[in-house]
C-alpha atoms as a PDB file:
ATOM      1  CA  MET A   1       0.000   0.000   0.000  1.00  0.00           C
ATOM      2  CA  ARG A   2       1.386   3.403  -0.948  1.00  0.00           C
ATOM      3  CA  PHE A   3       0.983   6.474   1.170  1.00  0.00           C
ATOM      4  CA  GLN A   4       1.242  10.028  -0.017  1.00  0.00           C
ATOM      5  CA  VAL A   5       3.873  11.958   1.949  1.00  0.00           C
ATOM      6  CA  PRO A   6       2.954  15.604   2.583  1.00  0.00           C
ATOM      7  CA  GLN A   7       5.347  18.141   1.107  1.00  0.00           C
ATOM      8  CA  PHE A   8       5.912  21.815   1.862  1.00  0.00           C
ATOM      9  CA  ILE A   9       4.731  21.441   5.452  1.00  0.00           C
ATOM     10  CA  ASP A  10       6.594  24.598   6.501  1.00  0.00           C
ATOM     11  CA  VAL A  11       4.418  26.798   4.226  1.00  0.00           C
ATOM     12  CA  GLU A  12       1.282  28.092   5.947  1.00  0.00           C
ATOM     13  CA  ASP A  13      -2.059  27.819   4.199  1.00  0.00           C
ATOM     14  CA  LYS A  14      -3.701  30.918   2.760  1.00  0.00           C
ATOM     15  CA  ILE A  15      -7.053  31.075   4.528  1.00  0.00           C
ATOM     16  CA  PHE A  16      -8.301  34.660   4.064  1.00  0.00           C
ATOM     17  CA  GLY A  17      -7.612  35.477   0.433  1.00  0.00           C
ATOM     18  CA  PRO A  18      -3.884  36.138   0.014  1.00  0.00           C
ATOM     19  CA  PHE A  19      -3.300  36.133   3.815  1.00  0.00           C
ATOM     20  CA  THR A  20      -2.489  33.357   6.224  1.00  0.00           C
ATOM     21  CA  PHE A  21      -4.373  33.231   9.512  1.00  0.00           C
ATOM     22  CA  LYS A  22      -1.561  34.998  11.393  1.00  0.00           C
ATOM     23  CA  GLN A  23      -1.219  37.709   8.757  1.00  0.00           C
ATOM     24  CA  PHE A  24      -4.965  38.282   8.836  1.00  0.00           C
ATOM     25  CA  LEU A  25      -4.911  38.649  12.631  1.00  0.00           C
ATOM     26  CA  TYR A  26      -2.048  41.171  12.507  1.00  0.00           C
ATOM     27  CA  VAL A  27      -3.720  43.260   9.777  1.00  0.00           C
ATOM     28  CA  ALA A  28      -7.161  43.064  11.425  1.00  0.00           C
ATOM     29  CA  GLY A  29      -5.685  43.951  14.815  1.00  0.00           C
ATOM     30  CA  SER A  30      -3.891  47.002  13.495  1.00  0.00           C
ATOM     31  CA  ALA A  31      -7.035  48.070  11.583  1.00  0.00           C
ATOM     32  CA  GLY A  32      -9.060  47.713  14.793  1.00  0.00           C
ATOM     33  CA  ALA A  33      -6.512  49.749  16.755  1.00  0.00           C
ATOM     34  CA  CYS A  34      -6.631  52.445  14.049  1.00  0.00           C
ATOM     35  CA  ALA A  35     -10.437  52.525  14.225  1.00  0.00           C
ATOM     36  CA  ILE A  36     -10.285  52.954  17.994  1.00  0.00           C
ATOM     37  CA  LEU A  37      -7.788  55.803  17.638  1.00  0.00           C
ATOM     38  CA  TYR A  38      -9.933  57.455  14.954  1.00  0.00           C
ATOM     39  CA  PHE A  39     -13.096  57.420  17.046  1.00  0.00           C
ATOM     40  CA  LEU A  40     -11.509  58.298  20.400  1.00  0.00           C
ATOM     41  CA  ILE A  41      -9.332  61.227  19.323  1.00  0.00           C
ATOM     42  CA  PRO A  42     -11.406  64.257  18.315  1.00  0.00           C
ATOM     43  CA  ILE A  43      -8.629  65.976  16.353  1.00  0.00           C
ATOM     44  CA  LYS A  44      -8.352  63.880  13.206  1.00  0.00           C
ATOM     45  CA  ALA A  45      -4.878  65.139  12.262  1.00  0.00           C
ATOM     46  CA  VAL A  46      -3.512  63.818  15.565  1.00  0.00           C
ATOM     47  CA  ALA A  47      -5.428  60.565  15.080  1.00  0.00           C
ATOM     48  CA  TYR A  48      -3.890  60.067  11.623  1.00  0.00           C
ATOM     49  CA  PHE A  49      -0.448  60.852  13.029  1.00  0.00           C
ATOM     50  CA  LEU A  50      -0.898  58.200  15.736  1.00  0.00           C
ATOM     51  CA  MET A  51      -2.274  55.664  13.250  1.00  0.00           C
ATOM     52  CA  LEU A  52       0.906  55.643  11.138  1.00  0.00           C
ATOM     53  CA  PRO A  53       3.057  53.693  13.632  1.00  0.00           C
ATOM     54  CA  VAL A  54       0.187  51.283  14.346  1.00  0.00           C
ATOM     55  CA  VAL A  55      -0.267  50.543  10.641  1.00  0.00           C
ATOM     56  CA  GLY A  56       3.506  50.219  10.155  1.00  0.00           C
ATOM     57  CA  PHE A  57       3.862  47.829  13.081  1.00  0.00           C
ATOM     58  CA  GLY A  58       0.906  45.728  11.908  1.00  0.00           C
ATOM     59  CA  ALA A  59       2.301  45.565   8.366  1.00  0.00           C
ATOM     60  CA  ALA A  60       5.741  44.623   9.687  1.00  0.00           C
ATOM     61  CA  LEU A  61       4.249  41.850  11.812  1.00  0.00           C
ATOM     62  CA  ALA A  62       2.271  40.528   8.860  1.00  0.00           C
ATOM     63  CA  PHE A  63       4.765  40.799   5.990  1.00  0.00           C
ATOM     64  CA  TYR A  64       8.306  41.785   7.032  1.00  0.00           C
ATOM     65  CA  LYS A  65      10.930  39.055   7.481  1.00  0.00           C
ATOM     66  CA  ILE A  66      14.503  39.356   8.732  1.00  0.00           C
ATOM     67  CA  ASN A  67      16.784  36.476   7.735  1.00  0.00           C
ATOM     68  CA  ASN A  68      13.686  34.511   6.658  1.00  0.00           C
ATOM     69  CA  LYS A  69      12.201  34.776  10.153  1.00  0.00           C
ATOM     70  CA  PRO A  70       8.955  36.640  10.840  1.00  0.00           C
ATOM     71  CA  PHE A  71       9.166  40.038  12.509  1.00  0.00           C
ATOM     72  CA  ILE A  72       7.348  38.731  15.596  1.00  0.00           C
ATOM     73  CA  TYR A  73      10.483  36.742  16.530  1.00  0.00           C
ATOM     74  CA  ILE A  74      12.529  39.947  16.489  1.00  0.00           C
ATOM     75  CA  VAL A  75       9.958  41.687  18.692  1.00  0.00           C
ATOM     76  CA  GLU A  76       9.992  38.731  21.084  1.00  0.00           C
ATOM     77  CA  ALA A  77      13.790  38.760  21.256  1.00  0.00           C
ATOM     78  CA  PHE A  78      13.744  42.519  21.917  1.00  0.00           C
ATOM     79  CA  PHE A  79      11.364  42.129  24.862  1.00  0.00           C
ATOM     80  CA  LYS A  80      13.326  39.210  26.281  1.00  0.00           C
ATOM     81  CA  TYR A  81      16.555  41.171  26.024  1.00  0.00           C
ATOM     82  CA  THR A  82      15.154  44.288  27.673  1.00  0.00           C
ATOM     83  CA  THR A  83      13.367  42.477  30.498  1.00  0.00           C
ATOM     84  CA  THR A  84      15.955  39.874  31.546  1.00  0.00           C
ATOM     85  CA  SER A  85      19.073  40.517  33.576  1.00  0.00           C
ATOM     86  CA  LYS A  86      22.358  40.786  31.761  1.00  0.00           C
ATOM     87  CA  LEU A  87      25.762  39.368  32.559  1.00  0.00           C
ATOM     88  CA  TYR A  88      28.570  41.887  32.256  1.00  0.00           C
ATOM     89  CA  ILE A  89      32.056  40.420  32.048  1.00  0.00           C
ATOM     90  CA  TRP A  90      34.989  42.494  33.148  1.00  0.00           C
ATOM     91  CA  LYS A  91      37.945  42.368  30.790  1.00  0.00           C
ATOM     92  CA  HIS A  92      41.201  42.301  32.704  1.00  0.00           C
ATOM     93  CA  GLU A  93      43.877  44.617  31.364  1.00  0.00           C
ATOM     94  CA  GLN A  94      47.432  43.330  31.455  1.00  0.00           C
ATOM     95  CA  LYS A  95      49.701  45.429  33.661  1.00  0.00           C
ATOM     96  CA  LYS A  96      53.164  46.210  32.445  1.00  0.00           C
ATOM     97  CA  LEU A  97      55.740  44.591  34.683  1.00  0.00           C
ATOM     98  CA  THR A  98      58.011  47.197  36.247  1.00  0.00           C
ATOM     99  CA  PRO A  99      60.697  46.584  38.866  1.00  0.00           C
ATOM    100  CA  ASP A 100      58.614  48.144  41.649  1.00  0.00           C
ATOM    101  CA  LEU A 101      55.766  45.686  40.942  1.00  0.00           C
ATOM    102  CA  LEU A 102      57.995  42.597  41.267  1.00  0.00           C
ATOM    103  CA  PRO A 103      57.437  40.662  44.480  1.00  0.00           C
ATOM    104  CA  LYS A 104      60.329  40.265  46.887  1.00  0.00           C
ATOM    105  CA  GLU A 105      60.366  36.475  46.611  1.00  0.00           C
ATOM    106  CA  LEU A 106      61.566  36.728  42.992  1.00  0.00           C
ATOM    107  CA  SER A 107      65.196  37.334  43.620  1.00  0.00           C
ATOM    108  CA  SER A 108      68.330  36.034  42.009  1.00  0.00           C
ATOM    109  CA  SER A 109      69.107  33.821  45.041  1.00  0.00           C
ATOM    110  CA  PHE A 110      65.879  31.885  44.435  1.00  0.00           C
ATOM    111  CA  LEU A 111      66.793  30.893  40.883  1.00  0.00           C
ATOM    112  CA  PRO A 112      69.074  27.852  40.499  1.00  0.00           C
ATOM    113  CA  LYS A 113      72.092  27.727  38.254  1.00  0.00           C
ATOM    114  CA  LEU A 114      71.635  26.612  34.684  1.00  0.00           C
ATOM    115  CA  GLY A 115      72.432  22.947  34.299  1.00  0.00           C
ATOM    116  CA  GLU A 116      74.003  21.009  31.513  1.00  0.00           C
ATOM    117  CA  SER A 117      70.737  19.800  30.023  1.00  0.00           C
ATOM    118  CA  LYS A 118      68.935  22.532  28.126  1.00  0.00           C
ATOM    119  CA  LEU A 119      65.709  20.515  28.108  1.00  0.00           C
ATOM    120  CA  LYS A 120      65.637  20.280  31.921  1.00  0.00           C
ATOM    121  CA  ASP A 121      66.398  23.993  32.183  1.00  0.00           C
ATOM    122  CA  LEU A 122      63.593  24.772  29.776  1.00  0.00           C
ATOM    123  CA  THR A 123      61.063  22.618  31.641  1.00  0.00           C
ATOM    124  CA  TRP A 124      62.149  24.117  34.955  1.00  0.00           C
ATOM    125  CA  SER A 125      61.841  27.658  33.631  1.00  0.00           C
ATOM    126  CA  LEU A 126      58.381  26.944  32.221  1.00  0.00           C
ATOM    127  CA  GLY A 127      57.272  25.541  35.567  1.00  0.00           C
ATOM    128  CA  VAL A 128      58.719  28.485  37.467  1.00  0.00           C
ATOM    129  CA  ALA A 129      57.271  30.995  35.034  1.00  0.00           C
ATOM    130  CA  GLU A 130      53.810  29.606  35.674  1.00  0.00           C
ATOM    131  CA  ASN A 131      54.176  29.549  39.465  1.00  0.00           C
ATOM    132  CA  GLN A 132      56.224  32.689  40.092  1.00  0.00           C
ATOM    133  CA  ASN A 133      54.900  35.156  37.524  1.00  0.00           C
ATOM    134  CA  PRO A 134      53.192  37.960  39.475  1.00  0.00           C
ATOM    135  CA  ILE A 135      50.663  38.525  36.699  1.00  0.00           C
ATOM    136  CA  THR A 136      49.460  34.917  36.432  1.00  0.00           C
ATOM    137  CA  ARG A 137      49.673  34.178  40.143  1.00  0.00           C
ATOM    138  CA  SER A 138      46.313  33.805  41.887  1.00  0.00           C
ATOM    139  CA  ASP A 139      47.151  35.025  45.415  1.00  0.00           C
ATOM    140  CA  THR A 140      46.431  38.659  46.325  1.00  0.00           C
ATOM    141  CA  ASN A 141      48.715  39.092  49.371  1.00  0.00           C
ATOM    142  CA  ARG A 142      50.871  41.775  47.787  1.00  0.00           C
END
């Protein structure tokens, strides 16, 4: 038995003429808001001025897409961003190492003599550089 597999399931059906159900709701909602503004505001020039953003927002919700996503997702992201708390991360600036910033424990008597093996000297210096560098050190008792 063969079954027909539906295709184009991500495309919404056009229910009200050329509009999908969501588009119709956005356009009808903005038209209703414009009608309310028209009848409540006695000065018609002010009413028309206030209707322009309502019509623009309704048209953007119904038809405008950013990166193939409906405008309502952008509005939702805007409200989430403005209402939630934000995490601010402090960027540490590297201090220049001057002789007065060097700790007292870094003295020439602490450092051993260079040995015969360059590899051992290199591994020792890498280990000491990690532990004794005042910039990378984690203690704050200076």
